[in-house]
Protein backbone atom coordinates (compact mmCIF):
# COMPACT_ATOMS: atom_id res chain seq x y z
CA UNK A 1 14.19 -148.51 53.27
CA UNK A 2 12.82 -151.65 51.70
CA UNK A 3 9.09 -152.08 51.41
CA UNK A 4 7.00 -154.76 49.82
CA UNK A 5 5.26 -154.10 46.54
CA UNK A 6 1.83 -154.43 48.18
CA UNK A 7 2.71 -151.80 50.80
CA UNK A 8 3.59 -149.13 48.22
CA UNK A 9 1.07 -146.52 47.14
CA UNK A 10 -0.18 -146.37 43.59
CA UNK A 11 1.84 -143.21 42.92
CA UNK A 12 5.03 -144.91 44.13
CA UNK A 13 4.35 -147.91 41.90
CA UNK A 14 3.77 -145.71 38.86
CA UNK A 15 6.94 -143.70 39.52
CA UNK A 16 8.99 -146.88 39.92
CA UNK A 17 7.69 -148.32 36.64
CA UNK A 18 8.32 -145.00 34.86
CA UNK A 19 11.86 -144.87 36.25
CA UNK A 20 12.59 -148.38 34.99
CA UNK A 21 11.11 -147.79 31.52
CA UNK A 22 12.81 -144.43 31.02
CA UNK A 23 16.13 -145.82 32.28
CA UNK A 24 15.99 -148.64 29.74
CA UNK A 25 15.12 -146.22 26.92
CA UNK A 26 17.99 -143.92 27.94
CA UNK A 27 20.45 -146.82 27.99
CA UNK A 28 19.29 -148.09 24.60
CA UNK A 29 19.45 -144.58 23.15
CA UNK A 30 22.95 -144.06 24.51
CA UNK A 31 24.05 -147.38 23.03
CA UNK A 32 22.56 -146.42 19.66
CA UNK A 33 24.36 -143.06 19.78
CA UNK A 34 27.70 -144.61 20.74
CA UNK A 35 27.55 -147.27 18.04
CA UNK A 36 26.54 -144.73 15.41
CA UNK A 37 23.31 -146.52 14.48
CA UNK A 38 21.19 -143.46 15.28
CA UNK A 39 23.07 -140.17 15.15
CA UNK A 40 20.19 -138.09 16.59
CA UNK A 41 19.60 -140.31 19.64
CA UNK A 42 20.83 -137.62 22.03
CA UNK A 43 17.94 -135.40 20.96
CA UNK A 44 15.62 -137.97 22.55
CA UNK A 45 17.84 -139.24 25.36
CA UNK A 46 18.69 -135.92 27.02
CA UNK A 47 15.07 -134.79 27.59
CA UNK A 48 14.20 -138.27 28.82
CA UNK A 49 17.16 -138.15 31.17
CA UNK A 50 15.91 -134.84 32.55
CA UNK A 51 12.44 -136.37 33.09
CA UNK A 52 14.13 -139.26 34.90
CA UNK A 53 15.93 -136.79 37.17
CA UNK A 54 12.62 -135.05 37.88
CA UNK A 55 10.92 -138.35 38.76
CA UNK A 56 13.78 -139.29 41.07
CA UNK A 57 13.66 -135.92 42.80
CA UNK A 58 9.90 -136.32 43.35
CA UNK A 59 10.51 -139.77 44.82
CA UNK A 60 13.23 -138.38 47.06
CA UNK A 61 10.90 -135.64 48.21
CA UNK A 62 8.19 -138.16 49.08
CA UNK A 63 10.59 -140.21 51.21
CA UNK A 64 12.64 -137.52 52.95
CA UNK A 65 10.89 -134.19 52.99
CA UNK A 66 13.37 -132.25 55.13
CA UNK A 67 16.56 -132.72 53.15
CA UNK A 68 14.97 -133.02 49.75
CA UNK A 69 13.96 -129.41 49.15
CA UNK A 70 17.44 -128.33 48.10
CA UNK A 71 18.02 -131.55 46.16
CA UNK A 72 14.69 -131.10 44.39
CA UNK A 73 15.49 -127.54 43.33
CA UNK A 74 18.92 -128.58 42.07
CA UNK A 75 17.42 -131.50 40.12
CA UNK A 76 14.75 -129.23 38.64
CA UNK A 77 17.38 -126.70 37.60
CA UNK A 78 19.46 -129.51 36.05
CA UNK A 79 16.40 -130.71 34.16
CA UNK A 80 15.73 -127.23 32.74
CA UNK A 81 19.36 -126.80 31.70
CA UNK A 82 19.41 -130.22 30.03
CA UNK A 83 16.23 -129.54 28.07
CA UNK A 84 17.49 -126.13 26.93
CA UNK A 85 20.83 -127.68 25.98
CA UNK A 86 19.08 -130.38 23.96
CA UNK A 87 17.11 -127.76 22.04
CA UNK A 88 20.21 -125.85 20.95
């Protein structure tokens, strides 16, 4: 469902900007890890990726409340597993 920027709420605008910024940071971090420039990039990228999943699940919940409960719980569980995996 496409909406104009002016029609979005402030929370939706903030979540969209956060999604874009975190996505760019994750892509740059992944590129740095792959090229070997920064060997510890995954320690930063994985928690950020889990935050990105959480933000997307919140956005999904705001748009489609009925079907998003299960998706939200799965995304939250994935976020917790990714953060724990990054710590180990």
